[in-house]
Amino acid sequence: MTLDRAWLLGTARAEREALGRTIQYTPPRCWEGESPSPGWRNRDIVAHLAATEVAAAAALAGETPGEVEAFVRSLGGRPFSLDEFNEYSVRKRAETPLREVIREWGRAADVFLSGAAAIDPEE
């Protein structure tokens, strides 16, 4: 099954904007509350999204995602675990002001979408 490129990029952009609005209008008291994902606060979800968007944008640009690289070094030879990376990236942002984490996610999402749109359709 092939997805229409313009539709896919448009849908991704609309989803980014919708999530941005949801974040914008979430009452501040809710950020420290438990998310639907057991053991994660709502702010942890945004930290997770920021980490993965930054990594995805770097990978799309042909760069090595620095945070992933630092995590792998921290493993000391142990196998990579996605769950451990998620915990690492959320913990790394635990003391960062929430607005800064939100801005990191938004910038990375925009860079990723711009990079995806710039790929030659033949590629």
PDB file of N, CA and C in Angstrom:
ATOM      1  N   MET A   1       0.848  -1.173   0.000  1.00  0.00           N
ATOM      2  CA  MET A   1       0.000   0.000   0.000  1.00  0.00           C
ATOM      3  C   MET A   1       0.900   1.245   0.000  1.00  0.00           C
ATOM      4  N   THR A   2       0.643   2.160  -0.899  1.00  0.00           N
ATOM      5  CA  THR A   2       1.401   3.396  -0.986  1.00  0.00           C
ATOM      6  C   THR A   2       0.532   4.550  -0.506  1.00  0.00           C
ATOM      7  N   LEU A   3       1.099   5.360   0.382  1.00  0.00           N
ATOM      8  CA  LEU A   3       0.373   6.532   0.867  1.00  0.00           C
ATOM      9  C   LEU A   3       0.730   7.731   0.004  1.00  0.00           C
ATOM     10  N   ASP A   4      -0.253   8.568  -0.256  1.00  0.00           N
ATOM     11  CA  ASP A   4      -0.028   9.787  -1.016  1.00  0.00           C
ATOM     12  C   ASP A   4       0.867  10.725  -0.214  1.00  0.00           C
ATOM     13  N   ARG A   5       1.953  11.146  -0.810  1.00  0.00           N
ATOM     14  CA  ARG A   5       2.959  11.965  -0.127  1.00  0.00           C
ATOM     15  C   ARG A   5       2.377  13.283   0.391  1.00  0.00           C
ATOM     16  N   ALA A   6       1.646  13.989  -0.442  1.00  0.00           N
ATOM     17  CA  ALA A   6       1.067  15.272  -0.027  1.00  0.00           C
ATOM     18  C   ALA A   6       0.079  15.073   1.122  1.00  0.00           C
ATOM     19  N   TRP A   7      -0.723  14.031   1.042  1.00  0.00           N
ATOM     20  CA  TRP A   7      -1.673  13.738   2.108  1.00  0.00           C
ATOM     21  C   TRP A   7      -0.932  13.418   3.401  1.00  0.00           C
ATOM     22  N   LEU A   8       0.105  12.601   3.307  1.00  0.00           N
ATOM     23  CA  LEU A   8       0.860  12.195   4.485  1.00  0.00           C
ATOM     24  C   LEU A   8       1.517  13.396   5.165  1.00  0.00           C
ATOM     25  N   LEU A   9       2.178  14.252   4.378  1.00  0.00           N
ATOM     26  CA  LEU A   9       2.816  15.442   4.946  1.00  0.00           C
ATOM     27  C   LEU A   9       1.783  16.405   5.531  1.00  0.00           C
ATOM     28  N   GLY A  10       0.662  16.570   4.839  1.00  0.00           N
ATOM     29  CA  GLY A  10      -0.399  17.443   5.341  1.00  0.00           C
ATOM     30  C   GLY A  10      -0.998  16.925   6.644  1.00  0.00           C
ATOM     31  N   THR A  11      -1.205  15.633   6.710  1.00  0.00           N
ATOM     32  CA  THR A  11      -1.734  15.021   7.925  1.00  0.00           C
ATOM     33  C   THR A  11      -0.747  15.160   9.077  1.00  0.00           C
ATOM     34  N   ALA A  12       0.520  14.930   8.799  1.00  0.00           N
ATOM     35  CA  ALA A  12       1.547  15.077   9.841  1.00  0.00           C
ATOM     36  C   ALA A  12       1.598  16.513  10.351  1.00  0.00           C
ATOM     37  N   ARG A  13       1.521  17.480   9.466  1.00  0.00           N
ATOM     38  CA  ARG A  13       1.537  18.885   9.861  1.00  0.00           C
ATOM     39  C   ARG A  13       0.304  19.210  10.706  1.00  0.00           C
ATOM     40  N   ALA A  14      -0.845  18.730  10.290  1.00  0.00           N
ATOM     41  CA  ALA A  14      -2.077  18.981  11.044  1.00  0.00           C
ATOM     42  C   ALA A  14      -2.010  18.350  12.439  1.00  0.00           C
ATOM     43  N   GLU A  15      -1.447  17.161  12.530  1.00  0.00           N
ATOM     44  CA  GLU A  15      -1.301  16.494  13.827  1.00  0.00           C
ATOM     45  C   GLU A  15      -0.343  17.266  14.727  1.00  0.00           C
ATOM     46  N   ARG A  16       0.762  17.783  14.168  1.00  0.00           N
ATOM     47  CA  ARG A  16       1.718  18.566  14.950  1.00  0.00           C
ATOM     48  C   ARG A  16       1.040  19.816  15.499  1.00  0.00           C
ATOM     49  N   GLU A  17       0.263  20.488  14.651  1.00  0.00           N
ATOM     50  CA  GLU A  17      -0.425  21.705  15.076  1.00  0.00           C
ATOM     51  C   GLU A  17      -1.502  21.400  16.119  1.00  0.00           C
ATOM     52  N   ALA A  18      -2.220  20.307  15.940  1.00  0.00           N
ATOM     53  CA  ALA A  18      -3.259  19.931  16.904  1.00  0.00           C
ATOM     54  C   ALA A  18      -2.653  19.600  18.263  1.00  0.00           C
ATOM     55  N   LEU A  19      -1.559  18.858  18.268  1.00  0.00           N
ATOM     56  CA  LEU A  19      -0.906  18.539  19.533  1.00  0.00           C
ATOM     57  C   LEU A  19      -0.358  19.806  20.172  1.00  0.00           C
ATOM     58  N   GLY A  20       0.181  20.696  19.368  1.00  0.00           N
ATOM     59  CA  GLY A  20       0.667  21.973  19.884  1.00  0.00           C
ATOM     60  C   GLY A  20      -0.441  22.761  20.566  1.00  0.00           C
ATOM     61  N   ARG A  21      -1.625  22.780  19.970  1.00  0.00           N
ATOM     62  CA  ARG A  21      -2.760  23.481  20.581  1.00  0.00           C
ATOM     63  C   ARG A  21      -3.197  22.785  21.869  1.00  0.00           C
ATOM     64  N   THR A  22      -3.203  21.461  21.866  1.00  0.00           N
ATOM     65  CA  THR A  22      -3.558  20.720  23.075  1.00  0.00           C
ATOM     66  C   THR A  22      -2.594  21.064  24.203  1.00  0.00           C
ATOM     67  N   ILE A  23      -1.311  21.078  23.887  1.00  0.00           N
ATOM     68  CA  ILE A  23      -0.295  21.430  24.882  1.00  0.00           C
ATOM     69  C   ILE A  23      -0.511  22.864  25.363  1.00  0.00           C
ATOM     70  N   GLN A  24      -0.746  23.762  24.430  1.00  0.00           N
ATOM     71  CA  GLN A  24      -0.924  25.179  24.765  1.00  0.00           C
ATOM     72  C   GLN A  24      -2.077  25.398  25.740  1.00  0.00           C
ATOM     73  N   TYR A  25      -3.157  24.668  25.568  1.00  0.00           N
ATOM     74  CA  TYR A  25      -4.348  24.900  26.377  1.00  0.00           C
ATOM     75  C   TYR A  25      -4.504  23.933  27.550  1.00  0.00           C
ATOM     76  N   THR A  26      -3.495  23.104  27.789  1.00  0.00           N
ATOM     77  CA  THR A  26      -3.549  22.214  28.951  1.00  0.00           C
ATOM     78  C   THR A  26      -3.292  23.040  30.214  1.00  0.00           C
ATOM     79  N   PRO A  27      -4.166  22.963  31.184  1.00  0.00           N
ATOM     80  CA  PRO A  27      -3.960  23.736  32.417  1.00  0.00           C
ATOM     81  C   PRO A  27      -2.637  23.334  33.100  1.00  0.00           C
ATOM     82  N   PRO A  28      -1.890  24.307  33.592  1.00  0.00           N
ATOM     83  CA  PRO A  28      -0.588  24.029  34.214  1.00  0.00           C
ATOM     84  C   PRO A  28      -0.637  22.947  35.290  1.00  0.00           C
ATOM     85  N   ARG A  29      -1.708  22.874  36.067  1.00  0.00           N
ATOM     86  CA  ARG A  29      -1.794  21.897  37.148  1.00  0.00           C
ATOM     87  C   ARG A  29      -1.808  20.452  36.632  1.00  0.00           C
ATOM     88  N   CYS A  30      -2.151  20.269  35.375  1.00  0.00           N
ATOM     89  CA  CYS A  30      -2.261  18.915  34.815  1.00  0.00           C
ATOM     90  C   CYS A  30      -0.915  18.299  34.447  1.00  0.00           C
ATOM     91  N   TRP A  31       0.111  19.126  34.254  1.00  0.00           N
ATOM     92  CA  TRP A  31       1.381  18.599  33.755  1.00  0.00           C
ATOM     93  C   TRP A  31       2.064  17.628  34.708  1.00  0.00           C
ATOM     94  N   GLU A  32       1.896  17.821  35.997  1.00  0.00           N
ATOM     95  CA  GLU A  32       2.523  16.915  36.964  1.00  0.00           C
ATOM     96  C   GLU A  32       1.652  15.690  37.242  1.00  0.00           C
ATOM     97  N   GLY A  33       0.460  15.686  36.686  1.00  0.00           N
ATOM     98  CA  GLY A  33      -0.470  14.577  36.916  1.00  0.00           C
ATOM     99  C   GLY A  33      -0.107  13.334  36.128  1.00  0.00           C
ATOM    100  N   GLU A  34      -0.657  12.227  36.551  1.00  0.00           N
ATOM    101  CA  GLU A  34      -0.432  10.925  35.914  1.00  0.00           C
ATOM    102  C   GLU A  34      -1.029  10.938  34.499  1.00  0.00           C
ATOM    103  N   SER A  35      -0.268  10.442  33.544  1.00  0.00           N
ATOM    104  CA  SER A  35      -0.755  10.345  32.163  1.00  0.00           C
ATOM    105  C   SER A  35      -1.500   9.026  31.993  1.00  0.00           C
ATOM    106  N   PRO A  36      -2.089   8.803  30.819  1.00  0.00           N
ATOM    107  CA  PRO A  36      -2.705   7.496  30.562  1.00  0.00           C
ATOM    108  C   PRO A  36      -1.681   6.352  30.521  1.00  0.00           C
ATOM    109  N   SER A  37      -0.391   6.684  30.368  1.00  0.00           N
ATOM    110  CA  SER A  37       0.661   5.660  30.381  1.00  0.00           C
ATOM    111  C   SER A  37       1.117   5.460  31.827  1.00  0.00           C
ATOM    112  N   PRO A  38       0.867   4.300  32.398  1.00  0.00           N
ATOM    113  CA  PRO A  38       1.195   4.067  33.805  1.00  0.00           C
ATOM    114  C   PRO A  38       2.660   4.404  34.131  1.00  0.00           C
ATOM    115  N   GLY A  39       2.835   5.161  35.218  1.00  0.00           N
ATOM    116  CA  GLY A  39       4.162   5.524  35.675  1.00  0.00           C
ATOM    117  C   GLY A  39       4.739   6.771  35.024  1.00  0.00           C
ATOM    118  N   TRP A  40       4.023   7.348  34.085  1.00  0.00           N
ATOM    119  CA  TRP A  40       4.489   8.552  33.389  1.00  0.00           C
ATOM    120  C   TRP A  40       3.556   9.710  33.706  1.00  0.00           C
ATOM    121  N   ARG A  41       4.158  10.859  34.039  1.00  0.00           N
ATOM    122  CA  ARG A  41       3.372  12.078  34.187  1.00  0.00           C
ATOM    123  C   ARG A  41       3.104  12.642  32.791  1.00  0.00           C
ATOM    124  N   ASN A  42       2.174  13.564  32.697  1.00  0.00           N
ATOM    125  CA  ASN A  42       1.891  14.201  31.409  1.00  0.00           C
ATOM    126  C   ASN A  42       3.135  14.905  30.861  1.00  0.00           C
ATOM    127  N   ARG A  43       3.899  15.570  31.720  1.00  0.00           N
ATOM    128  CA  ARG A  43       5.111  16.244  31.248  1.00  0.00           C
ATOM    129  C   ARG A  43       6.142  15.229  30.742  1.00  0.00           C
ATOM    130  N   ASP A  44       6.134  14.008  31.278  1.00  0.00           N
ATOM    131  CA  ASP A  44       7.053  12.966  30.796  1.00  0.00           C
ATOM    132  C   ASP A  44       6.743  12.591  29.349  1.00  0.00           C
ATOM    133  N   ILE A  45       5.473  12.610  28.997  1.00  0.00           N
ATOM    134  CA  ILE A  45       5.074  12.303  27.616  1.00  0.00           C
ATOM    135  C   ILE A  45       5.676  13.337  26.670  1.00  0.00           C
ATOM    136  N   VAL A  46       5.607  14.613  27.045  1.00  0.00           N
ATOM    137  CA  VAL A  46       6.180  15.664  26.199  1.00  0.00           C
ATOM    138  C   VAL A  46       7.695  15.511  26.125  1.00  0.00           C
ATOM    139  N   ALA A  47       8.340  15.145  27.227  1.00  0.00           N
ATOM    140  CA  ALA A  47       9.791  14.928  27.220  1.00  0.00           C
ATOM    141  C   ALA A  47      10.148  13.771  26.286  1.00  0.00           C
ATOM    142  N   HIS A  48       9.363  12.728  26.324  1.00  0.00           N
ATOM    143  CA  HIS A  48       9.570  11.587  25.427  1.00  0.00           C
ATOM    144  C   HIS A  48       9.405  12.013  23.964  1.00  0.00           C
ATOM    145  N   LEU A  49       8.361  12.775  23.683  1.00  0.00           N
ATOM    146  CA  LEU A  49       8.142  13.255  22.320  1.00  0.00           C
ATOM    147  C   LEU A  49       9.286  14.150  21.857  1.00  0.00           C
ATOM    148  N   ALA A  50       9.772  15.013  22.743  1.00  0.00           N
ATOM    149  CA  ALA A  50      10.898  15.882  22.383  1.00  0.00           C
ATOM    150  C   ALA A  50      12.111  15.043  22.004  1.00  0.00           C
ATOM    151  N   ALA A  51      12.439  14.063  22.820  1.00  0.00           N
ATOM    152  CA  ALA A  51      13.615  13.221  22.545  1.00  0.00           C
ATOM    153  C   ALA A  51      13.487  12.477  21.221  1.00  0.00           C
ATOM    154  N   THR A  52      12.326  11.918  20.972  1.00  0.00           N
ATOM    155  CA  THR A  52      12.172  11.140  19.740  1.00  0.00           C
ATOM    156  C   THR A  52      12.111  12.033  18.511  1.00  0.00           C
ATOM    157  N   GLU A  53      11.502  13.210  18.625  1.00  0.00           N
ATOM    158  CA  GLU A  53      11.474  14.135  17.482  1.00  0.00           C
ATOM    159  C   GLU A  53      12.875  14.643  17.158  1.00  0.00           C
ATOM    160  N   VAL A  54      13.663  14.965  18.191  1.00  0.00           N
ATOM    161  CA  VAL A  54      15.038  15.417  17.972  1.00  0.00           C
ATOM    162  C   VAL A  54      15.828  14.313  17.263  1.00  0.00           C
ATOM    163  N   ALA A  55      15.698  13.081  17.745  1.00  0.00           N
ATOM    164  CA  ALA A  55      16.417  11.958  17.134  1.00  0.00           C
ATOM    165  C   ALA A  55      15.948  11.716  15.698  1.00  0.00           C
ATOM    166  N   ALA A  56      14.653  11.772  15.465  1.00  0.00           N
ATOM    167  CA  ALA A  56      14.119  11.547  14.118  1.00  0.00           C
ATOM    168  C   ALA A  56      14.578  12.625  13.150  1.00  0.00           C
ATOM    169  N   ALA A  57      14.573  13.878  13.603  1.00  0.00           N
ATOM    170  CA  ALA A  57      15.013  14.981  12.741  1.00  0.00           C
ATOM    171  C   ALA A  57      16.485  14.825  12.384  1.00  0.00           C
ATOM    172  N   ALA A  58      17.296  14.437  13.361  1.00  0.00           N
ATOM    173  CA  ALA A  58      18.724  14.234  13.091  1.00  0.00           C
ATOM    174  C   ALA A  58      18.920  13.082  12.107  1.00  0.00           C
ATOM    175  N   ALA A  59      18.236  11.984  12.329  1.00  0.00           N
ATOM    176  CA  ALA A  59      18.376  10.819  11.445  1.00  0.00           C
ATOM    177  C   ALA A  59      17.943  11.161  10.022  1.00  0.00           C
ATOM    178  N   LEU A  60      16.862  11.908   9.891  1.00  0.00           N
ATOM    179  CA  LEU A  60      16.377  12.305   8.563  1.00  0.00           C
ATOM    180  C   LEU A  60      17.393  13.177   7.843  1.00  0.00           C
ATOM    181  N   ALA A  61      18.137  13.972   8.613  1.00  0.00           N
ATOM    182  CA  ALA A  61      19.158  14.851   8.027  1.00  0.00           C
ATOM    183  C   ALA A  61      20.482  14.114   7.803  1.00  0.00           C
ATOM    184  N   GLY A  62      20.501  12.815   8.101  1.00  0.00           N
ATOM    185  CA  GLY A  62      21.716  12.030   7.906  1.00  0.00           C
ATOM    186  C   GLY A  62      22.739  12.224   9.015  1.00  0.00           C
ATOM    187  N   GLU A  63      22.298  12.753  10.150  1.00  0.00           N
ATOM    188  CA  GLU A  63      23.179  12.985  11.293  1.00  0.00           C
ATOM    189  C   GLU A  63      22.973  11.884  12.327  1.00  0.00           C
ATOM    190  N   THR A  64      23.973  11.709  13.169  1.00  0.00           N
ATOM    191  CA  THR A  64      23.841  10.785  14.283  1.00  0.00           C
ATOM    192  C   THR A  64      23.123  11.511  15.413  1.00  0.00           C
ATOM    193  N   PRO A  65      22.004  10.975  15.885  1.00  0.00           N
ATOM    194  CA  PRO A  65      21.299  11.630  16.989  1.00  0.00           C
ATOM    195  C   PRO A  65      22.170  11.636  18.248  1.00  0.00           C
ATOM    196  N   GLY A  66      22.568  12.819  18.685  1.00  0.00           N
ATOM    197  CA  GLY A  66      23.492  12.958  19.807  1.00  0.00           C
ATOM    198  C   GLY A  66      23.003  12.334  21.097  1.00  0.00           C
ATOM    199  N   GLU A  67      21.736  12.493  21.398  1.00  0.00           N
ATOM    200  CA  GLU A  67      21.207  11.936  22.642  1.00  0.00           C
ATOM    201  C   GLU A  67      21.211  10.413  22.609  1.00  0.00           C
ATOM    202  N   VAL A  68      20.906   9.841  21.459  1.00  0.00           N
ATOM    203  CA  VAL A  68      20.948   8.388  21.322  1.00  0.00           C
ATOM    204  C   VAL A  68      22.392   7.904  21.471  1.00  0.00           C
ATOM    205  N   GLU A  69      23.303   8.626  20.849  1.00  0.00           N
ATOM    206  CA  GLU A  69      24.720   8.279  20.951  1.00  0.00           C
ATOM    207  C   GLU A  69      25.200   8.325  22.410  1.00  0.00           C
ATOM    208  N   ALA A  70      24.834   9.366  23.150  1.00  0.00           N
ATOM    209  CA  ALA A  70      25.214   9.486  24.558  1.00  0.00           C
ATOM    210  C   ALA A  70      24.605   8.353  25.380  1.00  0.00           C
ATOM    211  N   PHE A  71      23.371   7.992  25.083  1.00  0.00           N
ATOM    212  CA  PHE A  71      22.727   6.892  25.795  1.00  0.00           C
ATOM    213  C   PHE A  71      23.467   5.584  25.541  1.00  0.00           C
ATOM    214  N   VAL A  72      23.806   5.323  24.294  1.00  0.00           N
ATOM    215  CA  VAL A  72      24.515   4.082  23.957  1.00  0.00           C
ATOM    216  C   VAL A  72      25.845   4.021  24.711  1.00  0.00           C
ATOM    217  N   ARG A  73      26.559   5.154  24.766  1.00  0.00           N
ATOM    218  CA  ARG A  73      27.824   5.179  25.519  1.00  0.00           C
ATOM    219  C   ARG A  73      27.590   4.867  27.000  1.00  0.00           C
ATOM    220  N   SER A  74      26.467   5.335  27.539  1.00  0.00           N
ATOM    221  CA  SER A  74      26.178   5.109  28.952  1.00  0.00           C
ATOM    222  C   SER A  74      25.881   3.643  29.261  1.00  0.00           C
ATOM    223  N   LEU A  75      25.597   2.868  28.264  1.00  0.00           N
ATOM    224  CA  LEU A  75      25.249   1.461  28.473  1.00  0.00           C
ATOM    225  C   LEU A  75      26.459   0.590  28.814  1.00  0.00           C
ATOM    226  N   GLY A  76      27.654   1.069  28.491  1.00  0.00           N
ATOM    227  CA  GLY A  76      28.855   0.298  28.802  1.00  0.00           C
ATOM    228  C   GLY A  76      28.877  -1.078  28.156  1.00  0.00           C
ATOM    229  N   GLY A  77      28.353  -1.165  26.949  1.00  0.00           N
ATOM    230  CA  GLY A  77      28.369  -2.443  26.235  1.00  0.00           C
ATOM    231  C   GLY A  77      27.102  -3.265  26.364  1.00  0.00           C
ATOM    232  N   ARG A  78      26.218  -2.886  27.282  1.00  0.00           N
ATOM    233  CA  ARG A  78      24.944  -3.603  27.397  1.00  0.00           C
ATOM    234  C   ARG A  78      24.119  -3.364  26.140  1.00  0.00           C
ATOM    235  N   PRO A  79      23.203  -4.261  25.814  1.00  0.00           N
ATOM    236  CA  PRO A  79      22.365  -4.079  24.616  1.00  0.00           C
ATOM    237  C   PRO A  79      21.449  -2.856  24.745  1.00  0.00           C
ATOM    238  N   PHE A  80      21.169  -2.235  23.616  1.00  0.00           N
ATOM    239  CA  PHE A  80      20.259  -1.094  23.541  1.00  0.00           C
ATOM    240  C   PHE A  80      18.858  -1.550  23.897  1.00  0.00           C
ATOM    241  N   SER A  81      18.192  -0.776  24.725  1.00  0.00           N
ATOM    242  CA  SER A  81      16.797  -1.039  25.080  1.00  0.00           C
ATOM    243  C   SER A  81      16.004   0.239  24.844  1.00  0.00           C
ATOM    244  N   LEU A  82      14.971   0.156  24.046  1.00  0.00           N
ATOM    245  CA  LEU A  82      14.140   1.327  23.770  1.00  0.00           C
ATOM    246  C   LEU A  82      13.481   1.839  25.047  1.00  0.00           C
ATOM    247  N   ASP A  83      13.011   0.934  25.887  1.00  0.00           N
ATOM    248  CA  ASP A  83      12.406   1.364  27.151  1.00  0.00           C
ATOM    249  C   ASP A  83      13.414   2.110  28.013  1.00  0.00           C
ATOM    250  N   GLU A  84      14.656   1.619  28.060  1.00  0.00           N
ATOM    251  CA  GLU A  84      15.694   2.310  28.837  1.00  0.00           C
ATOM    252  C   GLU A  84      16.014   3.667  28.228  1.00  0.00           C
ATOM    253  N   PHE A  85      16.034   3.749  26.895  1.00  0.00           N
ATOM    254  CA  PHE A  85      16.269   5.042  26.256  1.00  0.00           C
ATOM    255  C   PHE A  85      15.152   6.016  26.608  1.00  0.00           C
ATOM    256  N   ASN A  86      13.919   5.544  26.587  1.00  0.00           N
ATOM    257  CA  ASN A  86      12.789   6.402  26.950  1.00  0.00           C
ATOM    258  C   ASN A  86      12.967   6.940  28.368  1.00  0.00           C
ATOM    259  N   GLU A  87      13.308   6.071  29.308  1.00  0.00           N
ATOM    260  CA  GLU A  87      13.520   6.495  30.691  1.00  0.00           C
ATOM    261  C   GLU A  87      14.678   7.490  30.782  1.00  0.00           C
ATOM    262  N   TYR A  88      15.756   7.211  30.072  1.00  0.00           N
ATOM    263  CA  TYR A  88      16.939   8.085  30.054  1.00  0.00           C
ATOM    264  C   TYR A  88      16.575   9.480  29.544  1.00  0.00           C
ATOM    265  N   SER A  89      15.866   9.530  28.431  1.00  0.00           N
ATOM    266  CA  SER A  89      15.549  10.829  27.818  1.00  0.00           C
ATOM    267  C   SER A  89      14.559  11.631  28.656  1.00  0.00           C
ATOM    268  N   VAL A  90      13.623  10.951  29.306  1.00  0.00           N
ATOM    269  CA  VAL A  90      12.664  11.640  30.173  1.00  0.00           C
ATOM    270  C   VAL A  90      13.381  12.142  31.428  1.00  0.00           C
ATOM    271  N   ARG A  91      14.219  11.293  32.012  1.00  0.00           N
ATOM    272  CA  ARG A  91      14.976  11.679  33.207  1.00  0.00           C
ATOM    273  C   ARG A  91      15.888  12.877  32.917  1.00  0.00           C
ATOM    274  N   LYS A  92      16.481  12.889  31.722  1.00  0.00           N
ATOM    275  CA  LYS A  92      17.369  13.980  31.331  1.00  0.00           C
ATOM    276  C   LYS A  92      16.635  15.326  31.330  1.00  0.00           C
ATOM    277  N   ARG A  93      15.346  15.322  31.055  1.00  0.00           N
ATOM    278  CA  ARG A  93      14.553  16.553  30.966  1.00  0.00           C
ATOM    279  C   ARG A  93      13.725  16.823  32.217  1.00  0.00           C
ATOM    280  N   ALA A  94      13.873  15.999  33.240  1.00  0.00           N
ATOM    281  CA  ALA A  94      13.020  16.086  34.432  1.00  0.00           C
ATOM    282  C   ALA A  94      13.116  17.433  35.134  1.00  0.00           C
ATOM    283  N   GLU A  95      14.282  18.048  35.138  1.00  0.00           N
ATOM    284  CA  GLU A  95      14.461  19.329  35.821  1.00  0.00           C
ATOM    285  C   GLU A  95      14.401  20.524  34.864  1.00  0.00           C
ATOM    286  N   THR A  96      14.234  20.254  33.592  1.00  0.00           N
ATOM    287  CA  THR A  96      14.140  21.323  32.599  1.00  0.00           C
ATOM    288  C   THR A  96      12.751  21.951  32.688  1.00  0.00           C
ATOM    289  N   PRO A  97      12.667  23.273  32.664  1.00  0.00           N
ATOM    290  CA  PRO A  97      11.333  23.896  32.686  1.00  0.00           C
ATOM    291  C   PRO A  97      10.454  23.353  31.551  1.00  0.00           C
ATOM    292  N   LEU A  98       9.220  23.087  31.885  1.00  0.00           N
ATOM    293  CA  LEU A  98       8.297  22.471  30.926  1.00  0.00           C
ATOM    294  C   LEU A  98       8.214  23.246  29.622  1.00  0.00           C
ATOM    295  N   ARG A  99       8.136  24.565  29.679  1.00  0.00           N
ATOM    296  CA  ARG A  99       8.037  25.358  28.442  1.00  0.00           C
ATOM    297  C   ARG A  99       9.240  25.131  27.544  1.00  0.00           C
ATOM    298  N   GLU A 100      10.395  24.934  28.130  1.00  0.00           N
ATOM    299  CA  GLU A 100      11.589  24.662  27.332  1.00  0.00           C
ATOM    300  C   GLU A 100      11.496  23.290  26.649  1.00  0.00           C
ATOM    301  N   VAL A 101      10.972  22.311  27.363  1.00  0.00           N
ATOM    302  CA  VAL A 101      10.789  20.973  26.775  1.00  0.00           C
ATOM    303  C   VAL A 101       9.762  21.046  25.641  1.00  0.00           C
ATOM    304  N   ILE A 102       8.710  21.808  25.848  1.00  0.00           N
ATOM    305  CA  ILE A 102       7.684  21.973  24.812  1.00  0.00           C
ATOM    306  C   ILE A 102       8.288  22.640  23.579  1.00  0.00           C
ATOM    307  N   ARG A 103       9.087  23.688  23.785  1.00  0.00           N
ATOM    308  CA  ARG A 103       9.732  24.356  22.645  1.00  0.00           C
ATOM    309  C   ARG A 103      10.675  23.394  21.914  1.00  0.00           C
ATOM    310  N   GLU A 104      11.405  22.583  22.670  1.00  0.00           N
ATOM    311  CA  GLU A 104      12.304  21.602  22.045  1.00  0.00           C
ATOM    312  C   GLU A 104      11.513  20.658  21.158  1.00  0.00           C
ATOM    313  N   TRP A 105      10.385  20.152  21.673  1.00  0.00           N
ATOM    314  CA  TRP A 105       9.552  19.256  20.867  1.00  0.00           C
ATOM    315  C   TRP A 105       9.051  19.971  19.616  1.00  0.00           C
ATOM    316  N   GLY A 106       8.509  21.169  19.776  1.00  0.00           N
ATOM    317  CA  GLY A 106       7.936  21.888  18.634  1.00  0.00           C
ATOM    318  C   GLY A 106       8.963  22.185  17.554  1.00  0.00           C
ATOM    319  N   ARG A 107      10.139  22.647  17.967  1.00  0.00           N
ATOM    320  CA  ARG A 107      11.205  22.936  16.981  1.00  0.00           C
ATOM    321  C   ARG A 107      11.622  21.658  16.255  1.00  0.00           C
ATOM    322  N   ALA A 108      11.806  20.586  17.019  1.00  0.00           N
ATOM    323  CA  ALA A 108      12.242  19.329  16.397  1.00  0.00           C
ATOM    324  C   ALA A 108      11.171  18.780  15.446  1.00  0.00           C
ATOM    325  N   ALA A 109       9.908  18.884  15.834  1.00  0.00           N
ATOM    326  CA  ALA A 109       8.830  18.426  14.955  1.00  0.00           C
ATOM    327  C   ALA A 109       8.822  19.238  13.663  1.00  0.00           C
ATOM    328  N   ASP A 110       9.017  20.540  13.773  1.00  0.00           N
ATOM    329  CA  ASP A 110       9.061  21.394  12.579  1.00  0.00           C
ATOM    330  C   ASP A 110      10.253  21.044  11.694  1.00  0.00           C
ATOM    331  N   VAL A 111      11.419  20.820  12.297  1.00  0.00           N
ATOM    332  CA  VAL A 111      12.613  20.448  11.522  1.00  0.00           C
ATOM    333  C   VAL A 111      12.385  19.114  10.823  1.00  0.00           C
ATOM    334  N   PHE A 112      11.799  18.159  11.536  1.00  0.00           N
ATOM    335  CA  PHE A 112      11.523  16.852  10.931  1.00  0.00           C
ATOM    336  C   PHE A 112      10.571  16.991   9.750  1.00  0.00           C
ATOM    337  N   LEU A 113       9.476  17.718   9.933  1.00  0.00           N
ATOM    338  CA  LEU A 113       8.496  17.866   8.846  1.00  0.00           C
ATOM    339  C   LEU A 113       9.085  18.623   7.660  1.00  0.00           C
ATOM    340  N   SER A 114       9.883  19.649   7.924  1.00  0.00           N
ATOM    341  CA  SER A 114      10.531  20.388   6.832  1.00  0.00           C
ATOM    342  C   SER A 114      11.487  19.479   6.069  1.00  0.00           C
ATOM    343  N   GLY A 115      12.244  18.689   6.820  1.00  0.00           N
ATOM    344  CA  GLY A 115      13.166  17.752   6.185  1.00  0.00           C
ATOM    345  C   GLY A 115      12.447  16.706   5.357  1.00  0.00           C
ATOM    346  N   ALA A 116      11.344  16.204   5.876  1.00  0.00           N
ATOM    347  CA  ALA A 116      10.565  15.200   5.144  1.00  0.00           C
ATOM    348  C   ALA A 116       9.989  15.804   3.864  1.00  0.00           C
ATOM    349  N   ALA A 117       9.522  17.023   3.942  1.00  0.00           N
ATOM    350  CA  ALA A 117       8.946  17.682   2.765  1.00  0.00           C
ATOM    351  C   ALA A 117      10.004  17.965   1.704  1.00  0.00           C
ATOM    352  N   ALA A 118      11.250  18.142   2.115  1.00  0.00           N
ATOM    353  CA  ALA A 118      12.327  18.460   1.186  1.00  0.00           C
ATOM    354  C   ALA A 118      12.889  17.239   0.444  1.00  0.00           C
ATOM    355  N   ILE A 119      12.505  16.056   0.888  1.00  0.00           N
ATOM    356  CA  ILE A 119      12.986  14.844   0.214  1.00  0.00           C
ATOM    357  C   ILE A 119      12.371  14.749  -1.159  1.00  0.00           C
ATOM    358  N   ASP A 120      13.197  14.484  -2.135  1.00  0.00           N
ATOM    359  CA  ASP A 120      12.728  14.325  -3.513  1.00  0.00           C
ATOM    360  C   ASP A 120      11.687  13.204  -3.560  1.00  0.00           C
ATOM    361  N   PRO A 121      10.531  13.456  -4.134  1.00  0.00           N
ATOM    362  CA  PRO A 121       9.486  12.420  -4.183  1.00  0.00           C
ATOM    363  C   PRO A 121       9.955  11.097  -4.784  1.00  0.00           C
ATOM    364  N   GLU A 122      10.960  11.159  -5.655  1.00  0.00           N
ATOM    365  CA  GLU A 122      11.465   9.918  -6.259  1.00  0.00           C
ATOM    366  C   GLU A 122      12.278   9.083  -5.258  1.00  0.00           C
ATOM    367  N   GLU A 123      12.785   9.742  -4.220  1.00  0.00           N
ATOM    368  CA  GLU A 123      13.537   9.010  -3.209  1.00  0.00           C
ATOM    369  C   GLU A 123      12.616   8.317  -2.243  1.00  0.00           C
TER     370      GLU A 123
END
